[in-house]
């Protein structure tokens, strides 16, 4: 699977399962780096803290991201993107 195909599949899945969460900026952020955190969404101007937290938790719930707690911070990993880059 290519990164482009993964991105297109993610767009369709988010639009279908989480239409209120979908935004082009959010999706680009998820594919710009292997992980993101609440602060990443805040800095990018996508959402405020509470909304960013909700978005990331919802994306984890449908399986697009995987949360890992390091210290006091949660990092949301785009595991499928990581798998493609490792191969």
PDB file of N, CA and C in Angstrom:
ATOM      1  N   UNK A   1       0.851  -1.183   0.000  1.00  0.00           N
ATOM      2  CA  UNK A   1       0.000   0.000   0.000  1.00  0.00           C
ATOM      3  C   UNK A   1       0.893   1.240   0.000  1.00  0.00           C
ATOM      4  N   UNK A   2       0.539   2.208  -0.792  1.00  0.00           N
ATOM      5  CA  UNK A   2       1.307   3.444  -0.842  1.00  0.00           C
ATOM      6  C   UNK A   2       0.739   4.471   0.142  1.00  0.00           C
ATOM      7  N   UNK A   3       1.539   5.480   0.412  1.00  0.00           N
ATOM      8  CA  UNK A   3       1.101   6.547   1.320  1.00  0.00           C
ATOM      9  C   UNK A   3      -0.113   7.256   0.734  1.00  0.00           C
ATOM     10  N   UNK A   4      -0.093   7.472  -0.566  1.00  0.00           N
ATOM     11  CA  UNK A   4      -1.224   8.135  -1.232  1.00  0.00           C
ATOM     12  C   UNK A   4      -2.511   7.335  -1.065  1.00  0.00           C
ATOM     13  N   UNK A   5      -2.428   6.020  -1.275  1.00  0.00           N
ATOM     14  CA  UNK A   5      -3.613   5.165  -1.106  1.00  0.00           C
ATOM     15  C   UNK A   5      -4.098   5.166   0.339  1.00  0.00           C
ATOM     16  N   UNK A   6      -3.152   5.137   1.276  1.00  0.00           N
ATOM     17  CA  UNK A   6      -3.521   5.183   2.691  1.00  0.00           C
ATOM     18  C   UNK A   6      -4.223   6.496   3.014  1.00  0.00           C
ATOM     19  N   UNK A   7      -3.706   7.579   2.478  1.00  0.00           N
ATOM     20  CA  UNK A   7      -4.303   8.892   2.727  1.00  0.00           C
ATOM     21  C   UNK A   7      -5.714   8.971   2.135  1.00  0.00           C
ATOM     22  N   UNK A   8      -5.875   8.504   0.905  1.00  0.00           N
ATOM     23  CA  UNK A   8      -7.198   8.524   0.273  1.00  0.00           C
ATOM     24  C   UNK A   8      -8.192   7.651   1.037  1.00  0.00           C
ATOM     25  N   UNK A   9      -7.741   6.487   1.481  1.00  0.00           N
ATOM     26  CA  UNK A   9      -8.598   5.607   2.273  1.00  0.00           C
ATOM     27  C   UNK A   9      -8.983   6.244   3.603  1.00  0.00           C
ATOM     28  N   UNK A  10      -8.043   6.949   4.196  1.00  0.00           N
ATOM     29  CA  UNK A  10      -8.311   7.630   5.472  1.00  0.00           C
ATOM     30  C   UNK A  10      -9.322   8.754   5.285  1.00  0.00           C
ATOM     31  N   UNK A  11      -9.203   9.483   4.184  1.00  0.00           N
ATOM     32  CA  UNK A  11     -10.162  10.555   3.884  1.00  0.00           C
ATOM     33  C   UNK A  11     -11.572   9.984   3.820  1.00  0.00           C
ATOM     34  N   UNK A  12     -11.729   8.919   3.048  1.00  0.00           N
ATOM     35  CA  UNK A  12     -13.052   8.307   2.890  1.00  0.00           C
ATOM     36  C   UNK A  12     -13.592   7.795   4.222  1.00  0.00           C
ATOM     37  N   UNK A  13     -12.724   7.159   4.989  1.00  0.00           N
ATOM     38  CA  UNK A  13     -13.166   6.591   6.266  1.00  0.00           C
ATOM     39  C   UNK A  13     -13.595   7.684   7.250  1.00  0.00           C
ATOM     40  N   UNK A  14     -12.817   8.755   7.330  1.00  0.00           N
ATOM     41  CA  UNK A  14     -13.160   9.845   8.248  1.00  0.00           C
ATOM     42  C   UNK A  14     -14.443  10.530   7.794  1.00  0.00           C
ATOM     43  N   UNK A  15     -14.565  10.780   6.498  1.00  0.00           N
ATOM     44  CA  UNK A  15     -15.787  11.420   5.990  1.00  0.00           C
ATOM     45  C   UNK A  15     -17.020  10.572   6.278  1.00  0.00           C
ATOM     46  N   UNK A  16     -16.866   9.260   6.186  1.00  0.00           N
ATOM     47  CA  UNK A  16     -17.997   8.350   6.398  1.00  0.00           C
ATOM     48  C   UNK A  16     -18.323   8.175   7.884  1.00  0.00           C
ATOM     49  N   UNK A  17     -17.286   7.921   8.693  1.00  0.00           N
ATOM     50  CA  UNK A  17     -17.513   7.581  10.097  1.00  0.00           C
ATOM     51  C   UNK A  17     -17.483   8.774  11.047  1.00  0.00           C
ATOM     52  N   UNK A  18     -16.740   9.819  10.683  1.00  0.00           N
ATOM     53  CA  UNK A  18     -16.609  10.984  11.563  1.00  0.00           C
ATOM     54  C   UNK A  18     -16.703  12.274  10.752  1.00  0.00           C
ATOM     55  N   UNK A  19     -17.823  12.515  10.107  1.00  0.00           N
ATOM     56  CA  UNK A  19     -17.907  13.692   9.223  1.00  0.00           C
ATOM     57  C   UNK A  19     -17.662  15.021   9.933  1.00  0.00           C
ATOM     58  N   UNK A  20     -17.968  15.105  11.215  1.00  0.00           N
ATOM     59  CA  UNK A  20     -17.747  16.364  11.936  1.00  0.00           C
ATOM     60  C   UNK A  20     -16.274  16.581  12.270  1.00  0.00           C
ATOM     61  N   UNK A  21     -15.483  15.531  12.238  1.00  0.00           N
ATOM     62  CA  UNK A  21     -14.058  15.610  12.555  1.00  0.00           C
ATOM     63  C   UNK A  21     -13.236  15.948  11.310  1.00  0.00           C
ATOM     64  N   UNK A  22     -13.690  15.535  10.153  1.00  0.00           N
ATOM     65  CA  UNK A  22     -12.889  15.680   8.925  1.00  0.00           C
ATOM     66  C   UNK A  22     -12.570  17.127   8.593  1.00  0.00           C
ATOM     67  N   UNK A  23     -11.303  17.360   8.320  1.00  0.00           N
ATOM     68  CA  UNK A  23     -10.859  18.611   7.715  1.00  0.00           C
ATOM     69  C   UNK A  23      -9.574  18.296   6.959  1.00  0.00           C
ATOM     70  N   UNK A  24      -9.375  18.996   5.874  1.00  0.00           N
ATOM     71  CA  UNK A  24      -8.178  18.782   5.058  1.00  0.00           C
ATOM     72  C   UNK A  24      -6.927  19.055   5.882  1.00  0.00           C
ATOM     73  N   UNK A  25      -6.956  20.103   6.686  1.00  0.00           N
ATOM     74  CA  UNK A  25      -5.793  20.457   7.508  1.00  0.00           C
ATOM     75  C   UNK A  25      -5.454  19.361   8.514  1.00  0.00           C
ATOM     76  N   UNK A  26      -6.464  18.787   9.129  1.00  0.00           N
ATOM     77  CA  UNK A  26      -6.238  17.714  10.090  1.00  0.00           C
ATOM     78  C   UNK A  26      -5.622  16.506   9.397  1.00  0.00           C
ATOM     79  N   UNK A  27      -6.171  16.126   8.273  1.00  0.00           N
ATOM     80  CA  UNK A  27      -5.651  14.959   7.566  1.00  0.00           C
ATOM     81  C   UNK A  27      -4.207  15.182   7.124  1.00  0.00           C
ATOM     82  N   UNK A  28      -3.904  16.367   6.628  1.00  0.00           N
ATOM     83  CA  UNK A  28      -2.527  16.663   6.218  1.00  0.00           C
ATOM     84  C   UNK A  28      -1.578  16.592   7.406  1.00  0.00           C
ATOM     85  N   UNK A  29      -2.018  17.055   8.561  1.00  0.00           N
ATOM     86  CA  UNK A  29      -1.194  16.981   9.765  1.00  0.00           C
ATOM     87  C   UNK A  29      -0.922  15.526  10.146  1.00  0.00           C
ATOM     88  N   UNK A  30      -1.911  14.665  10.018  1.00  0.00           N
ATOM     89  CA  UNK A  30      -1.752  13.257  10.373  1.00  0.00           C
ATOM     90  C   UNK A  30      -0.742  12.556   9.473  1.00  0.00           C
ATOM     91  N   UNK A  31      -0.558  13.068   8.249  1.00  0.00           N
ATOM     92  CA  UNK A  31       0.366  12.437   7.315  1.00  0.00           C
ATOM     93  C   UNK A  31       1.674  13.210   7.164  1.00  0.00           C
ATOM     94  N   UNK A  32       1.801  14.348   7.805  1.00  0.00           N
ATOM     95  CA  UNK A  32       3.027  15.133   7.744  1.00  0.00           C
ATOM     96  C   UNK A  32       4.080  14.559   8.689  1.00  0.00           C
ATOM     97  N   UNK A  33       3.631  13.969   9.774  1.00  0.00           N
ATOM     98  CA  UNK A  33       4.541  13.355  10.738  1.00  0.00           C
ATOM     99  C   UNK A  33       3.922  12.058  11.234  1.00  0.00           C
ATOM    100  N   UNK A  34       4.708  11.221  11.871  1.00  0.00           N
ATOM    101  CA  UNK A  34       4.234   9.904  12.302  1.00  0.00           C
ATOM    102  C   UNK A  34       3.340   9.954  13.530  1.00  0.00           C
ATOM    103  N   UNK A  35       3.403  11.035  14.255  1.00  0.00           N
ATOM    104  CA  UNK A  35       2.584  11.157  15.458  1.00  0.00           C
ATOM    105  C   UNK A  35       2.094  12.591  15.586  1.00  0.00           C
ATOM    106  N   UNK A  36       1.069  12.755  16.370  1.00  0.00           N
ATOM    107  CA  UNK A  36       0.658  14.108  16.734  1.00  0.00           C
ATOM    108  C   UNK A  36       0.138  14.060  18.159  1.00  0.00           C
ATOM    109  N   UNK A  37       0.003  15.216  18.729  1.00  0.00           N
ATOM    110  CA  UNK A  37      -0.537  15.326  20.076  1.00  0.00           C
ATOM    111  C   UNK A  37      -1.501  16.503  20.079  1.00  0.00           C
ATOM    112  N   UNK A  38      -2.206  16.666  21.152  1.00  0.00           N
ATOM    113  CA  UNK A  38      -3.216  17.717  21.243  1.00  0.00           C
ATOM    114  C   UNK A  38      -2.619  19.069  20.878  1.00  0.00           C
ATOM    115  N   UNK A  39      -1.449  19.331  21.381  1.00  0.00           N
ATOM    116  CA  UNK A  39      -0.786  20.618  21.123  1.00  0.00           C
ATOM    117  C   UNK A  39      -0.531  20.834  19.630  1.00  0.00           C
ATOM    118  N   UNK A  40      -0.259  19.759  18.894  1.00  0.00           N
ATOM    119  CA  UNK A  40      -0.024  19.868  17.448  1.00  0.00           C
ATOM    120  C   UNK A  40      -1.240  20.456  16.741  1.00  0.00           C
ATOM    121  N   UNK A  41      -2.427  20.009  17.138  1.00  0.00           N
ATOM    122  CA  UNK A  41      -3.653  20.522  16.540  1.00  0.00           C
ATOM    123  C   UNK A  41      -3.899  21.968  16.941  1.00  0.00           C
ATOM    124  N   UNK A  42      -3.551  22.304  18.184  1.00  0.00           N
ATOM    125  CA  UNK A  42      -3.712  23.686  18.654  1.00  0.00           C
ATOM    126  C   UNK A  42      -2.793  24.627  17.878  1.00  0.00           C
ATOM    127  N   UNK A  43      -1.530  24.268  17.756  1.00  0.00           N
ATOM    128  CA  UNK A  43      -0.550  25.108  17.065  1.00  0.00           C
ATOM    129  C   UNK A  43      -0.916  25.290  15.593  1.00  0.00           C
ATOM    130  N   UNK A  44      -1.441  24.235  14.974  1.00  0.00           N
ATOM    131  CA  UNK A  44      -1.830  24.297  13.566  1.00  0.00           C
ATOM    132  C   UNK A  44      -3.118  25.092  13.361  1.00  0.00           C
ATOM    133  N   UNK A  45      -3.782  25.461  14.448  1.00  0.00           N
ATOM    134  CA  UNK A  45      -5.019  26.231  14.343  1.00  0.00           C
ATOM    135  C   UNK A  45      -6.222  25.396  13.931  1.00  0.00           C
ATOM    136  N   UNK A  46      -6.129  24.090  14.131  1.00  0.00           N
ATOM    137  CA  UNK A  46      -7.209  23.181  13.735  1.00  0.00           C
ATOM    138  C   UNK A  46      -8.307  23.150  14.794  1.00  0.00           C
ATOM    139  N   UNK A  47      -7.901  23.145  16.058  1.00  0.00           N
ATOM    140  CA  UNK A  47      -8.888  23.052  17.137  1.00  0.00           C
ATOM    141  C   UNK A  47      -8.272  23.527  18.445  1.00  0.00           C
ATOM    142  N   UNK A  48      -9.143  23.904  19.376  1.00  0.00           N
ATOM    143  CA  UNK A  48      -8.693  24.222  20.728  1.00  0.00           C
ATOM    144  C   UNK A  48      -8.508  22.920  21.498  1.00  0.00           C
ATOM    145  N   UNK A  49      -7.911  23.011  22.660  1.00  0.00           N
ATOM    146  CA  UNK A  49      -7.480  21.829  23.414  1.00  0.00           C
ATOM    147  C   UNK A  49      -8.564  20.753  23.573  1.00  0.00           C
ATOM    148  N   UNK A  50      -9.719  21.087  24.065  1.00  0.00           N
ATOM    149  CA  UNK A  50     -10.764  20.085  24.314  1.00  0.00           C
ATOM    150  C   UNK A  50     -11.231  19.441  23.014  1.00  0.00           C
ATOM    151  N   UNK A  51     -11.431  20.247  21.985  1.00  0.00           N
ATOM    152  CA  UNK A  51     -11.872  19.725  20.694  1.00  0.00           C
ATOM    153  C   UNK A  51     -10.779  18.859  20.079  1.00  0.00           C
ATOM    154  N   UNK A  52      -9.536  19.282  20.172  1.00  0.00           N
ATOM    155  CA  UNK A  52      -8.417  18.502  19.639  1.00  0.00           C
ATOM    156  C   UNK A  52      -8.345  17.140  20.317  1.00  0.00           C
ATOM    157  N   UNK A  53      -8.536  17.121  21.621  1.00  0.00           N
ATOM    158  CA  UNK A  53      -8.540  15.872  22.368  1.00  0.00           C
ATOM    159  C   UNK A  53      -9.644  14.944  21.875  1.00  0.00           C
ATOM    160  N   UNK A  54     -10.813  15.493  21.672  1.00  0.00           N
ATOM    161  CA  UNK A  54     -11.949  14.712  21.177  1.00  0.00           C
ATOM    162  C   UNK A  54     -11.659  14.151  19.788  1.00  0.00           C
ATOM    163  N   UNK A  55     -11.132  14.981  18.896  1.00  0.00           N
ATOM    164  CA  UNK A  55     -10.815  14.543  17.536  1.00  0.00           C
ATOM    165  C   UNK A  55      -9.836  13.366  17.555  1.00  0.00           C
ATOM    166  N   UNK A  56      -8.770  13.507  18.328  1.00  0.00           N
ATOM    167  CA  UNK A  56      -7.750  12.454  18.359  1.00  0.00           C
ATOM    168  C   UNK A  56      -8.283  11.166  18.978  1.00  0.00           C
ATOM    169  N   UNK A  57      -9.088  11.287  20.009  1.00  0.00           N
ATOM    170  CA  UNK A  57      -9.685  10.092  20.624  1.00  0.00           C
ATOM    171  C   UNK A  57     -10.632   9.395  19.653  1.00  0.00           C
ATOM    172  N   UNK A  58     -11.399  10.165  18.898  1.00  0.00           N
ATOM    173  CA  UNK A  58     -12.312   9.582  17.910  1.00  0.00           C
ATOM    174  C   UNK A  58     -11.534   8.887  16.787  1.00  0.00           C
ATOM    175  N   UNK A  59     -10.455   9.495  16.343  1.00  0.00           N
ATOM    176  CA  UNK A  59      -9.624   8.875  15.313  1.00  0.00           C
ATOM    177  C   UNK A  59      -8.979   7.590  15.828  1.00  0.00           C
ATOM    178  N   UNK A  60      -8.657   7.554  17.102  1.00  0.00           N
ATOM    179  CA  UNK A  60      -8.140   6.322  17.699  1.00  0.00           C
ATOM    180  C   UNK A  60      -9.253   5.275  17.782  1.00  0.00           C
ATOM    181  N   UNK A  61     -10.436   5.698  18.146  1.00  0.00           N
ATOM    182  CA  UNK A  61     -11.566   4.768  18.283  1.00  0.00           C
ATOM    183  C   UNK A  61     -11.852   4.028  16.985  1.00  0.00           C
ATOM    184  N   UNK A  62     -11.744   4.711  15.852  1.00  0.00           N
ATOM    185  CA  UNK A  62     -12.030   4.042  14.571  1.00  0.00           C
ATOM    186  C   UNK A  62     -10.791   3.362  13.979  1.00  0.00           C
ATOM    187  N   UNK A  63      -9.667   3.416  14.699  1.00  0.00           N
ATOM    188  CA  UNK A  63      -8.489   2.660  14.298  1.00  0.00           C
ATOM    189  C   UNK A  63      -7.490   3.373  13.401  1.00  0.00           C
ATOM    190  N   UNK A  64      -7.641   4.673  13.205  1.00  0.00           N
ATOM    191  CA  UNK A  64      -6.679   5.385  12.362  1.00  0.00           C
ATOM    192  C   UNK A  64      -5.422   5.781  13.129  1.00  0.00           C
ATOM    193  N   UNK A  65      -5.539   5.963  14.424  1.00  0.00           N
ATOM    194  CA  UNK A  65      -4.408   6.327  15.261  1.00  0.00           C
ATOM    195  C   UNK A  65      -4.328   5.376  16.447  1.00  0.00           C
ATOM    196  N   UNK A  66      -3.151   5.341  17.066  1.00  0.00           N
ATOM    197  CA  UNK A  66      -2.955   4.534  18.268  1.00  0.00           C
ATOM    198  C   UNK A  66      -2.313   5.428  19.329  1.00  0.00           C
ATOM    199  N   UNK A  67      -2.935   5.542  20.484  1.00  0.00           N
ATOM    200  CA  UNK A  67      -2.431   6.430  21.545  1.00  0.00           C
ATOM    201  C   UNK A  67      -1.415   5.717  22.427  1.00  0.00           C
ATOM    202  N   UNK A  68      -0.354   6.456  22.736  1.00  0.00           N
ATOM    203  CA  UNK A  68       0.664   5.983  23.670  1.00  0.00           C
ATOM    204  C   UNK A  68       0.896   7.113  24.672  1.00  0.00           C
ATOM    205  N   UNK A  69       0.858   6.768  25.963  1.00  0.00           N
ATOM    206  CA  UNK A  69       1.090   7.778  26.997  1.00  0.00           C
ATOM    207  C   UNK A  69       2.560   7.734  27.396  1.00  0.00           C
ATOM    208  N   UNK A  70       3.202   8.888  27.269  1.00  0.00           N
ATOM    209  CA  UNK A  70       4.592   9.031  27.691  1.00  0.00           C
ATOM    210  C   UNK A  70       4.623  10.197  28.673  1.00  0.00           C
ATOM    211  N   UNK A  71       4.907   9.866  29.922  1.00  0.00           N
ATOM    212  CA  UNK A  71       4.846  10.890  30.966  1.00  0.00           C
ATOM    213  C   UNK A  71       3.405  11.334  31.142  1.00  0.00           C
ATOM    214  N   UNK A  72       3.165  12.635  31.003  1.00  0.00           N
ATOM    215  CA  UNK A  72       1.812  13.175  31.165  1.00  0.00           C
ATOM    216  C   UNK A  72       1.136  13.407  29.826  1.00  0.00           C
ATOM    217  N   UNK A  73       1.839  13.137  28.754  1.00  0.00           N
ATOM    218  CA  UNK A  73       1.370  13.474  27.406  1.00  0.00           C
ATOM    219  C   UNK A  73       0.954  12.220  26.630  1.00  0.00           C
ATOM    220  N   UNK A  74      -0.109  12.345  25.826  1.00  0.00           N
ATOM    221  CA  UNK A  74      -0.509  11.282  24.915  1.00  0.00           C
ATOM    222  C   UNK A  74       0.004  11.616  23.527  1.00  0.00           C
ATOM    223  N   UNK A  75       0.608  10.627  22.889  1.00  0.00           N
ATOM    224  CA  UNK A  75       1.061  10.751  21.505  1.00  0.00           C
ATOM    225  C   UNK A  75       0.188   9.827  20.671  1.00  0.00           C
ATOM    226  N   UNK A  76      -0.338  10.344  19.592  1.00  0.00           N
ATOM    227  CA  UNK A  76      -1.220   9.578  18.727  1.00  0.00           C
ATOM    228  C   UNK A  76      -0.434   9.207  17.475  1.00  0.00           C
ATOM    229  N   UNK A  77      -0.153   7.914  17.335  1.00  0.00           N
ATOM    230  CA  UNK A  77       0.715   7.393  16.283  1.00  0.00           C
ATOM    231  C   UNK A  77      -0.120   6.943  15.082  1.00  0.00           C
ATOM    232  N   UNK A  78       0.324   7.338  13.897  1.00  0.00           N
ATOM    233  CA  UNK A  78      -0.275   6.862  12.655  1.00  0.00           C
ATOM    234  C   UNK A  78       0.470   5.574  12.291  1.00  0.00           C
ATOM    235  N   UNK A  79       0.027   4.445  12.859  1.00  0.00           N
ATOM    236  CA  UNK A  79       0.735   3.168  12.762  1.00  0.00           C
ATOM    237  C   UNK A  79       0.819   2.683  11.318  1.00  0.00           C
ATOM    238  N   UNK A  80      -0.235   2.832  10.546  1.00  0.00           N
ATOM    239  CA  UNK A  80      -0.205   2.360   9.156  1.00  0.00           C
ATOM    240  C   UNK A  80       0.813   3.137   8.344  1.00  0.00           C
ATOM    241  N   UNK A  81       0.936   4.424   8.580  1.00  0.00           N
ATOM    242  CA  UNK A  81       1.951   5.222   7.904  1.00  0.00           C
ATOM    243  C   UNK A  81       3.341   4.760   8.325  1.00  0.00           C
ATOM    244  N   UNK A  82       3.525   4.509   9.592  1.00  0.00           N
ATOM    245  CA  UNK A  82       4.798   4.007  10.103  1.00  0.00           C
ATOM    246  C   UNK A  82       5.156   2.684   9.427  1.00  0.00           C
ATOM    247  N   UNK A  83       4.191   1.763   9.291  1.00  0.00           N
ATOM    248  CA  UNK A  83       4.429   0.484   8.644  1.00  0.00           C
ATOM    249  C   UNK A  83       4.913   0.671   7.204  1.00  0.00           C
ATOM    250  N   UNK A  84       4.292   1.596   6.480  1.00  0.00           N
ATOM    251  CA  UNK A  84       4.692   1.846   5.086  1.00  0.00           C
ATOM    252  C   UNK A  84       6.126   2.386   5.034  1.00  0.00           C
ATOM    253  N   UNK A  85       6.462   3.303   5.917  1.00  0.00           N
ATOM    254  CA  UNK A  85       7.791   3.911   5.905  1.00  0.00           C
ATOM    255  C   UNK A  85       8.891   2.942   6.335  1.00  0.00           C
ATOM    256  N   UNK A  86       8.558   1.984   7.193  1.00  0.00           N
ATOM    257  CA  UNK A  86       9.540   1.016   7.672  1.00  0.00           C
ATOM    258  C   UNK A  86       9.884   0.002   6.571  1.00  0.00           C
ATOM    259  N   UNK A  87       8.933  -0.293   5.720  1.00  0.00           N
ATOM    260  CA  UNK A  87       9.155  -1.297   4.654  1.00  0.00           C
ATOM    261  C   UNK A  87      10.064  -0.784   3.581  1.00  0.00           C
TER     262      UNK A  87
END
